N, C-alpha and C. Protein backbone atom coordinates (compact mmCIF):
# COMPACT_ATOMS: atom_id res chain seq x y z
N MET A 1 114.61 121.44 93.17
CA MET A 1 113.58 120.99 92.14
C MET A 1 112.10 121.07 92.99
N ASN A 2 111.36 121.80 92.49
CA ASN A 2 109.99 121.95 93.36
C ASN A 2 109.20 120.78 93.01
N ALA A 3 108.28 120.60 93.80
CA ALA A 3 107.34 119.27 93.60
C ALA A 3 106.55 119.44 92.12
N PRO A 4 105.93 120.49 91.93
CA PRO A 4 105.52 120.74 90.70
C PRO A 4 106.20 120.34 89.52
N ASP A 5 107.48 120.63 89.57
CA ASP A 5 108.56 120.29 88.60
C ASP A 5 109.19 119.01 88.30
N SER A 6 108.81 118.22 89.38
CA SER A 6 109.29 116.79 89.53
C SER A 6 108.17 115.76 88.93
N SER A 7 108.73 114.67 88.52
CA SER A 7 107.70 113.71 87.78
C SER A 7 107.15 113.03 88.85
N SER A 8 105.99 112.36 88.68
CA SER A 8 105.24 111.57 89.37
C SER A 8 105.93 110.33 89.80
N THR A 9 105.82 109.95 91.17
CA THR A 9 106.42 108.74 91.69
C THR A 9 105.51 107.43 91.35
N ARG A 10 104.26 107.62 91.02
CA ARG A 10 103.42 106.42 90.56
C ARG A 10 104.20 105.43 89.70
N PRO A 11 104.60 105.76 88.46
CA PRO A 11 105.19 104.73 87.63
C PRO A 11 106.43 104.05 88.27
N TYR A 12 107.18 104.84 89.05
CA TYR A 12 108.32 103.99 89.69
C TYR A 12 107.80 103.17 90.94
N LEU A 13 106.78 103.50 91.49
CA LEU A 13 106.24 102.54 92.59
C LEU A 13 105.47 101.37 91.88
N ILE A 14 104.76 101.66 90.74
CA ILE A 14 104.33 100.45 89.82
C ILE A 14 105.38 99.43 89.47
N ARG A 15 106.32 100.03 88.93
CA ARG A 15 107.49 99.16 88.58
C ARG A 15 107.93 98.29 89.57
N ALA A 16 108.24 99.02 90.80
CA ALA A 16 108.88 98.24 91.94
C ALA A 16 108.07 97.33 92.36
N LEU A 17 106.77 97.56 92.52
CA LEU A 17 105.92 96.27 93.19
C LEU A 17 105.57 95.32 92.25
N TYR A 18 105.63 95.72 90.78
CA TYR A 18 105.68 94.58 89.76
C TYR A 18 106.99 93.65 90.05
N GLU A 19 108.15 94.36 90.08
CA GLU A 19 109.45 93.64 90.38
C GLU A 19 109.19 92.81 91.63
N TRP A 20 108.85 93.28 92.73
CA TRP A 20 108.63 92.63 94.09
C TRP A 20 107.76 91.27 93.81
N CYS A 21 106.59 91.56 93.24
CA CYS A 21 105.69 90.38 92.84
C CYS A 21 106.51 89.29 92.03
N SER A 22 106.94 89.79 90.85
CA SER A 22 107.72 88.77 90.21
C SER A 22 108.92 88.11 90.84
N ASP A 23 109.75 88.85 91.62
CA ASP A 23 110.74 88.21 92.29
C ASP A 23 110.18 87.14 93.43
N ASN A 24 109.01 87.43 93.91
CA ASN A 24 108.56 86.57 95.10
C ASN A 24 107.51 85.57 94.56
N GLY A 25 107.51 85.30 93.23
CA GLY A 25 106.55 84.28 92.59
C GLY A 25 105.09 84.71 92.80
N LEU A 26 104.81 85.99 92.92
CA LEU A 26 103.30 86.50 92.93
C LEU A 26 103.00 86.83 91.72
N THR A 27 101.62 87.09 91.49
CA THR A 27 100.93 87.49 90.43
C THR A 27 100.62 88.89 90.27
N PRO A 28 101.30 90.01 89.66
CA PRO A 28 100.88 91.33 89.96
C PRO A 28 99.38 91.52 89.12
N TYR A 29 98.53 92.35 89.69
CA TYR A 29 97.30 92.75 89.25
C TYR A 29 97.22 94.27 89.21
N VAL A 30 96.80 94.92 88.33
CA VAL A 30 96.49 96.30 88.34
C VAL A 30 95.02 96.63 88.27
N ALA A 31 94.65 97.50 89.12
CA ALA A 31 93.19 97.90 89.25
C ALA A 31 93.18 99.44 88.32
N VAL A 32 92.29 99.34 87.40
CA VAL A 32 92.42 100.56 86.58
C VAL A 32 90.89 101.27 86.38
N LEU A 33 91.08 102.62 86.69
CA LEU A 33 89.85 103.47 86.53
C LEU A 33 89.61 103.69 84.98
N VAL A 34 88.67 103.27 84.46
CA VAL A 34 88.61 103.18 82.87
C VAL A 34 87.80 104.65 82.62
N ASP A 35 88.35 105.17 81.52
CA ASP A 35 87.75 106.44 80.83
C ASP A 35 88.19 106.35 79.40
N GLU A 36 87.76 107.32 78.59
CA GLU A 36 88.16 107.28 77.17
C GLU A 36 89.58 107.20 76.83
N SER A 37 90.48 107.49 77.76
CA SER A 37 91.83 107.25 77.44
C SER A 37 92.53 105.97 77.61
N VAL A 38 91.72 105.24 78.26
CA VAL A 38 92.16 103.70 78.48
C VAL A 38 91.66 102.91 77.34
N GLN A 39 92.65 102.11 76.93
CA GLN A 39 92.19 101.03 75.77
C GLN A 39 92.39 99.69 76.29
N VAL A 40 91.12 99.05 76.79
CA VAL A 40 90.92 97.78 77.16
C VAL A 40 89.64 97.41 76.63
N PRO A 41 89.47 95.84 76.58
CA PRO A 41 88.18 95.41 76.12
C PRO A 41 87.12 95.97 77.21
N ARG A 42 86.23 96.68 76.39
CA ARG A 42 85.18 97.21 77.33
C ARG A 42 84.24 96.46 77.92
N GLU A 43 83.96 95.17 77.31
CA GLU A 43 83.14 94.11 77.78
C GLU A 43 83.65 93.57 79.29
N TYR A 44 84.65 93.76 79.52
CA TYR A 44 85.31 93.39 80.79
C TYR A 44 85.31 94.46 81.91
N VAL A 45 84.87 95.70 81.54
CA VAL A 45 84.84 96.79 82.48
C VAL A 45 83.43 96.89 83.30
N LYS A 46 83.69 96.69 84.51
CA LYS A 46 82.65 96.81 85.38
C LYS A 46 82.69 98.01 86.49
N ASN A 47 81.36 98.57 86.56
CA ASN A 47 81.43 99.92 87.40
C ASN A 47 82.58 100.82 87.15
N GLY A 48 83.00 100.99 85.91
CA GLY A 48 84.07 101.87 85.42
C GLY A 48 85.61 101.47 85.77
N GLU A 49 85.65 100.29 86.16
CA GLU A 49 87.04 99.81 86.71
C GLU A 49 87.36 98.45 85.97
N ILE A 50 88.47 98.25 85.76
CA ILE A 50 88.91 96.86 85.39
C ILE A 50 90.15 96.30 86.11
N VAL A 51 90.38 95.12 86.29
CA VAL A 51 91.35 94.64 86.99
C VAL A 51 92.14 93.72 86.02
N LEU A 52 93.53 93.96 85.70
CA LEU A 52 94.33 93.33 84.83
C LEU A 52 95.43 92.57 85.46
N ASN A 53 95.64 91.31 84.94
CA ASN A 53 96.80 90.40 85.41
C ASN A 53 97.93 90.88 84.41
N ILE A 54 99.18 91.48 84.90
CA ILE A 54 100.15 92.11 84.19
C ILE A 54 101.61 91.05 84.36
N SER A 55 101.18 89.82 84.74
CA SER A 55 102.37 89.01 85.01
C SER A 55 103.10 88.76 83.69
N PHE A 56 104.23 88.10 83.83
CA PHE A 56 104.89 87.79 82.49
C PHE A 56 104.18 86.79 81.91
N ASP A 57 103.53 85.77 82.45
CA ASP A 57 102.72 84.64 81.76
C ASP A 57 101.49 85.13 81.34
N ALA A 58 100.99 86.30 81.66
CA ALA A 58 99.88 86.76 81.08
C ALA A 58 99.69 87.80 79.88
N THR A 59 101.11 88.17 79.74
CA THR A 59 101.34 89.52 78.82
C THR A 59 102.30 89.06 77.88
N SER A 60 102.46 89.85 76.85
CA SER A 60 103.52 89.91 75.76
C SER A 60 103.74 91.25 75.57
N SER A 61 105.08 91.60 75.50
CA SER A 61 105.63 92.89 75.18
C SER A 61 105.24 93.86 76.01
N LEU A 62 105.29 93.57 77.34
CA LEU A 62 104.74 94.40 78.66
C LEU A 62 105.83 95.52 78.62
N LYS A 63 105.38 97.10 78.62
CA LYS A 63 106.27 98.15 78.85
C LYS A 63 105.56 98.81 79.88
N LEU A 64 106.26 99.05 81.10
CA LEU A 64 105.92 99.82 82.19
C LEU A 64 106.52 101.11 81.99
N GLY A 65 106.01 102.01 81.30
CA GLY A 65 106.75 103.28 80.98
C GLY A 65 106.21 104.43 82.07
N ASN A 66 106.77 105.56 81.99
CA ASN A 66 106.39 106.64 82.83
C ASN A 66 104.93 107.31 82.44
N ASP A 67 104.54 107.13 81.36
CA ASP A 67 103.25 107.59 81.00
C ASP A 67 102.05 106.48 80.79
N PHE A 68 102.64 105.40 80.26
CA PHE A 68 101.62 104.25 79.88
C PHE A 68 102.26 103.00 80.45
N ILE A 69 101.24 102.05 80.65
CA ILE A 69 101.49 100.76 80.63
C ILE A 69 100.84 100.12 79.43
N GLU A 70 101.72 99.42 78.75
CA GLU A 70 101.26 98.91 77.31
C GLU A 70 101.68 97.41 77.38
N PHE A 71 100.79 96.50 76.63
CA PHE A 71 100.98 95.10 76.47
C PHE A 71 100.23 94.77 75.70
N LYS A 72 100.28 93.17 75.39
CA LYS A 72 99.30 92.39 74.75
C LYS A 72 98.97 91.41 75.47
N ALA A 73 97.63 90.94 75.34
CA ALA A 73 97.10 90.05 76.14
C ALA A 73 95.85 89.44 75.39
N ARG A 74 95.33 88.08 75.76
CA ARG A 74 94.44 87.34 75.33
C ARG A 74 93.34 87.36 76.26
N PHE A 75 92.23 87.92 75.62
CA PHE A 75 90.81 87.86 76.50
C PHE A 75 89.75 86.83 75.91
N ALA A 76 89.52 85.82 76.51
CA ALA A 76 88.47 84.66 75.99
C ALA A 76 89.24 84.22 74.66
N GLY A 77 90.55 84.08 74.74
CA GLY A 77 91.31 83.52 73.41
C GLY A 77 91.58 84.57 72.18
N THR A 78 91.19 85.83 72.33
CA THR A 78 91.23 86.94 71.36
C THR A 78 92.32 87.72 71.74
N PRO A 79 93.39 88.01 71.06
CA PRO A 79 94.55 88.86 71.21
C PRO A 79 94.08 90.37 71.22
N ARG A 80 94.60 91.20 72.33
CA ARG A 80 93.99 92.68 72.51
C ARG A 80 95.49 93.41 72.66
N GLU A 81 95.43 94.68 72.32
CA GLU A 81 96.37 95.57 72.76
C GLU A 81 96.08 96.38 73.90
N ILE A 82 96.58 96.36 74.91
CA ILE A 82 96.12 97.11 75.97
C ILE A 82 97.16 98.22 76.31
N VAL A 83 96.52 99.46 76.46
CA VAL A 83 97.07 100.77 76.82
C VAL A 83 96.35 101.39 77.84
N VAL A 84 97.22 101.48 78.94
CA VAL A 84 96.63 102.10 80.31
C VAL A 84 97.59 103.46 80.60
N PRO A 85 96.96 104.39 80.75
CA PRO A 85 97.75 105.79 81.17
C PRO A 85 98.17 105.39 82.56
N VAL A 86 99.47 105.69 83.22
CA VAL A 86 99.80 105.34 84.41
C VAL A 86 98.81 106.11 85.50
N SER A 87 98.29 107.43 85.11
CA SER A 87 97.39 108.17 85.94
C SER A 87 96.20 107.54 86.19
N ARG A 88 95.62 106.55 85.56
CA ARG A 88 94.31 105.84 85.89
C ARG A 88 94.54 104.69 86.58
N VAL A 89 95.83 104.28 86.85
CA VAL A 89 95.86 103.01 87.77
C VAL A 89 95.74 103.25 89.18
N ILE A 90 94.54 102.56 89.77
CA ILE A 90 94.25 103.14 91.09
C ILE A 90 94.73 102.04 92.19
N ALA A 91 95.62 101.09 91.60
CA ALA A 91 96.18 100.13 92.68
C ALA A 91 97.01 98.78 91.99
N ILE A 92 97.90 98.48 92.56
CA ILE A 92 98.87 97.38 91.95
C ILE A 92 98.81 96.31 93.38
N TYR A 93 98.60 95.25 93.00
CA TYR A 93 98.69 94.26 94.28
C TYR A 93 99.02 92.76 93.80
N ALA A 94 99.36 91.94 94.66
CA ALA A 94 99.69 90.70 94.39
C ALA A 94 98.26 89.84 94.63
N ARG A 95 97.89 89.20 93.71
CA ARG A 95 96.65 88.09 93.49
C ARG A 95 96.80 87.19 94.93
N GLU A 96 97.91 86.85 95.05
CA GLU A 96 97.78 85.68 96.09
C GLU A 96 97.53 86.05 97.62
N ASN A 97 98.11 87.29 97.95
CA ASN A 97 98.11 87.77 99.16
C ASN A 97 97.54 89.09 99.58
N GLY A 98 97.14 89.84 98.33
CA GLY A 98 96.47 91.23 98.39
C GLY A 98 97.64 92.23 98.88
N GLN A 99 98.84 91.94 99.01
CA GLN A 99 99.75 93.09 99.44
C GLN A 99 99.97 93.97 98.16
N GLY A 100 100.03 95.08 98.47
CA GLY A 100 100.11 96.15 97.25
C GLY A 100 100.03 97.51 97.82
N MET A 101 99.45 98.53 96.74
CA MET A 101 99.45 99.92 97.17
C MET A 101 98.28 100.54 96.23
N ALA A 102 97.53 101.17 96.78
CA ALA A 102 96.40 102.08 96.15
C ALA A 102 96.94 103.31 95.80
N PHE A 103 96.44 104.02 94.82
CA PHE A 103 97.00 105.35 94.66
C PHE A 103 95.67 106.15 94.58
N PRO A 104 95.86 107.64 95.03
CA PRO A 104 94.78 108.58 94.80
C PRO A 104 94.63 108.90 93.17
N VAL A 105 93.20 109.01 92.94
CA VAL A 105 92.98 109.40 91.62
C VAL A 105 92.12 110.66 91.61
N ALA A 106 92.13 111.59 90.42
CA ALA A 106 91.42 112.42 90.23
C ALA A 106 90.01 112.24 89.87
N VAL A 107 89.16 112.90 90.52
CA VAL A 107 87.71 112.82 90.24
C VAL A 107 87.11 114.10 89.97
N ALA A 108 86.40 114.06 88.94
CA ALA A 108 85.85 115.42 88.43
C ALA A 108 84.81 115.83 89.64
N ALA A 109 84.63 117.07 89.87
CA ALA A 109 84.12 117.75 90.97
C ALA A 109 82.59 117.81 90.41
N ALA A 110 81.73 117.49 91.45
CA ALA A 110 80.27 117.34 91.12
C ALA A 110 79.79 118.77 91.04
N SER A 111 80.50 119.81 91.52
CA SER A 111 80.06 121.10 91.58
C SER A 111 80.37 122.00 90.33
N GLY A 112 81.07 121.28 89.46
CA GLY A 112 81.44 121.74 88.30
C GLY A 112 82.86 122.76 88.56
N ASP A 113 83.62 122.49 89.67
CA ASP A 113 84.78 123.16 89.67
C ASP A 113 85.94 122.74 88.66
N ALA A 114 86.79 123.63 88.14
CA ALA A 114 87.57 123.07 87.16
C ALA A 114 88.87 122.34 87.70
N ALA A 115 89.04 122.57 89.05
CA ALA A 115 90.13 121.75 89.84
C ALA A 115 89.69 120.32 90.20
N PRO A 116 90.24 119.34 89.68
CA PRO A 116 89.81 117.99 90.27
C PRO A 116 90.18 117.58 91.63
N LYS A 117 89.24 117.02 92.29
CA LYS A 117 89.24 116.60 93.80
C LYS A 117 90.13 115.10 93.73
N LEU A 118 90.84 114.88 94.87
CA LEU A 118 91.48 113.61 94.79
C LEU A 118 90.82 112.58 95.65
N GLN A 119 90.63 111.47 95.15
CA GLN A 119 89.99 110.49 95.89
C GLN A 119 91.06 109.41 96.29
N THR A 120 91.24 108.97 97.58
CA THR A 120 92.37 108.07 97.86
C THR A 120 91.73 106.70 98.03
N GLY A 121 92.69 105.85 97.74
CA GLY A 121 92.31 104.41 97.99
C GLY A 121 91.59 103.69 96.82
N LEU A 122 91.52 102.46 96.88
CA LEU A 122 91.00 101.57 95.86
C LEU A 122 89.35 101.68 96.09
N SER A 123 88.40 102.19 95.24
CA SER A 123 87.17 102.53 95.28
C SER A 123 86.32 101.22 95.64
N SER A 124 86.55 100.32 94.79
CA SER A 124 86.06 98.88 94.58
C SER A 124 86.27 98.28 93.53
N VAL A 125 87.07 97.12 93.76
CA VAL A 125 87.37 96.33 92.52
C VAL A 125 86.12 95.51 92.46
N PRO A 126 85.66 95.62 91.35
CA PRO A 126 84.19 94.88 90.92
C PRO A 126 84.28 93.27 91.21
N ASP A 127 83.58 92.69 91.72
CA ASP A 127 83.50 91.09 92.13
C ASP A 127 83.69 90.37 90.84
N ALA A 128 83.15 91.01 89.78
CA ALA A 128 83.07 90.17 88.47
C ALA A 128 84.40 90.08 87.94
N ALA A 129 85.07 91.25 88.15
CA ALA A 129 86.57 91.51 87.43
C ALA A 129 87.62 91.10 88.34
N ARG A 130 87.26 90.77 89.55
CA ARG A 130 88.31 90.15 90.63
C ARG A 130 88.51 88.80 90.42
N PRO A 131 89.43 88.17 90.49
CA PRO A 131 89.69 86.62 90.46
C PRO A 131 89.01 86.18 91.79
N PRO A 132 88.61 85.10 91.75
CA PRO A 132 88.08 84.47 92.93
C PRO A 132 88.91 84.32 94.06
N GLU A 133 90.19 84.10 93.99
CA GLU A 133 91.16 84.05 95.03
C GLU A 133 91.64 85.26 95.53
N ALA A 134 91.27 86.42 94.96
CA ALA A 134 91.88 87.75 95.29
C ALA A 134 91.06 88.17 96.56
N PRO A 135 91.93 88.93 97.55
CA PRO A 135 91.19 89.43 98.63
C PRO A 135 90.41 90.63 98.16
N PRO A 136 89.48 91.02 99.14
CA PRO A 136 88.57 92.04 98.74
C PRO A 136 89.07 93.32 98.86
N LYS A 137 90.51 93.72 99.60
CA LYS A 137 90.90 94.98 99.46
C LYS A 137 92.50 94.98 99.40
N VAL A 138 93.05 96.00 99.15
CA VAL A 138 94.53 96.09 99.07
C VAL A 138 94.96 96.32 100.50
N VAL A 139 96.08 95.58 100.89
CA VAL A 139 96.53 95.87 102.25
C VAL A 139 97.76 96.39 102.17
N PRO A 140 98.37 96.96 103.37
CA PRO A 140 99.85 97.88 103.23
C PRO A 140 100.85 96.87 102.97
N MET A 141 101.97 97.26 102.45
CA MET A 141 102.97 96.32 102.12
C MET A 141 103.74 95.68 103.22
N ALA A 142 103.75 96.39 104.26
CA ALA A 142 104.47 96.06 105.57
C ALA A 142 103.49 96.33 106.67
N PRO A 143 102.59 95.31 106.93
CA PRO A 143 101.57 95.71 107.98
C PRO A 143 102.45 95.54 109.37
N VAL A 144 102.21 96.32 110.35
CA VAL A 144 102.56 96.24 111.66
C VAL A 144 101.66 95.78 112.68
N GLU A 145 102.09 94.64 113.16
CA GLU A 145 101.26 93.90 114.31
C GLU A 145 100.83 94.82 115.27
N GLY A 146 99.52 94.65 115.75
CA GLY A 146 98.99 95.27 116.88
C GLY A 146 98.47 96.70 116.44
N ILE A 147 98.74 97.08 115.16
CA ILE A 147 98.23 98.50 114.87
C ILE A 147 97.20 98.29 113.71
N ALA A 148 95.87 98.75 114.03
CA ALA A 148 94.83 98.75 113.04
C ALA A 148 95.11 99.67 111.88
N PRO A 149 94.77 99.41 110.58
CA PRO A 149 94.86 100.40 109.70
C PRO A 149 93.95 101.61 109.59
N ARG A 150 94.58 102.61 109.20
CA ARG A 150 93.81 103.83 109.46
C ARG A 150 92.79 104.09 108.53
N ASP A 151 91.75 104.58 108.99
CA ASP A 151 90.49 104.89 108.05
C ASP A 151 90.57 106.19 107.19
N ASP A 152 91.30 107.14 108.05
CA ASP A 152 91.18 108.49 107.36
C ASP A 152 91.99 108.56 106.15
N THR A 153 91.77 109.59 105.21
CA THR A 153 92.40 109.74 104.02
C THR A 153 93.67 110.79 104.12
N GLU A 154 93.49 111.54 105.15
CA GLU A 154 94.52 112.66 105.26
C GLU A 154 95.91 112.06 105.88
N PRO A 155 96.86 112.40 105.46
CA PRO A 155 98.23 111.69 105.88
C PRO A 155 98.50 112.38 107.40
N PRO A 156 99.09 111.45 108.27
CA PRO A 156 99.32 112.18 109.64
C PRO A 156 100.21 113.56 109.59
N ARG A 157 100.06 114.53 110.41
CA ARG A 157 100.90 115.64 110.52
C ARG A 157 101.99 115.49 111.22
N PRO A 158 103.13 115.94 110.88
CA PRO A 158 104.50 115.79 111.82
C PRO A 158 104.18 116.50 113.07
N THR A 159 104.76 115.81 114.24
CA THR A 159 104.57 116.44 115.50
C THR A 159 105.85 117.21 115.91
N GLY A 160 106.92 117.14 115.58
CA GLY A 160 107.89 117.91 115.91
C GLY A 160 108.38 118.87 114.81
N GLY A 161 109.27 119.88 115.37
CA GLY A 161 109.69 120.98 114.61
C GLY A 161 110.99 120.58 113.88
N GLY A 162 111.60 119.34 113.81
CA GLY A 162 112.74 119.01 113.20
C GLY A 162 112.57 118.54 111.92
N ARG A 163 113.55 118.10 111.22
CA ARG A 163 113.63 117.68 109.90
C ARG A 163 112.94 116.26 110.01
N PRO A 164 112.30 115.75 108.91
CA PRO A 164 111.71 114.47 108.85
C PRO A 164 112.80 113.27 108.70
N SER A 165 112.57 112.29 109.01
CA SER A 165 113.44 111.06 108.96
C SER A 165 112.66 109.91 108.67
N LEU A 166 113.68 108.95 108.11
CA LEU A 166 112.97 107.47 107.77
C LEU A 166 113.15 106.64 108.68
N LYS A 167 112.41 105.66 109.12
CA LYS A 167 112.55 104.69 110.18
C LYS A 167 112.70 103.32 109.38
N ARG A 168 113.77 102.62 109.77
CA ARG A 168 114.09 101.30 109.18
C ARG A 168 112.98 100.41 109.96
N VAL A 169 112.30 99.40 109.16
CA VAL A 169 111.41 98.36 109.58
C VAL A 169 111.95 97.34 108.95
N LYS A 170 112.14 96.20 109.79
CA LYS A 170 112.42 95.07 109.38
C LYS A 170 111.39 93.91 109.54
């Protein structure tokens, strides 16, 4: 199966991190880049983004599908239907410790190119949408002591000519 033929890993990673948060008693939040395809209360959108609590306690009828995240939630006491295309999720993280994952998002090219450019990482979760106890940025799931996080957005190039392998980290 070629990469273009395979499905996106994003919905699987979102479900995995949601389950990890739930299993560890943490509150899963998703940061969403809002456009016309996103169905959320517009009055809570700041700088084109919204942060949503998707915990079991905050939602009803939560469905983490391959194409959409759908649930019912109350905003200022008013019940709302929320529908978020998985492609618009820019991060999922735990409110309590900020551990999670940011995803690349397609950004319309300013030069008018038809092909979208990719922007990696969480652009900025607006302070008004972020709960007060949330950290200002998403951190890696398994930080390695003594190694500073990388600032570049390009993945590291393989150094050897052999096959890639996974390294087990405990």
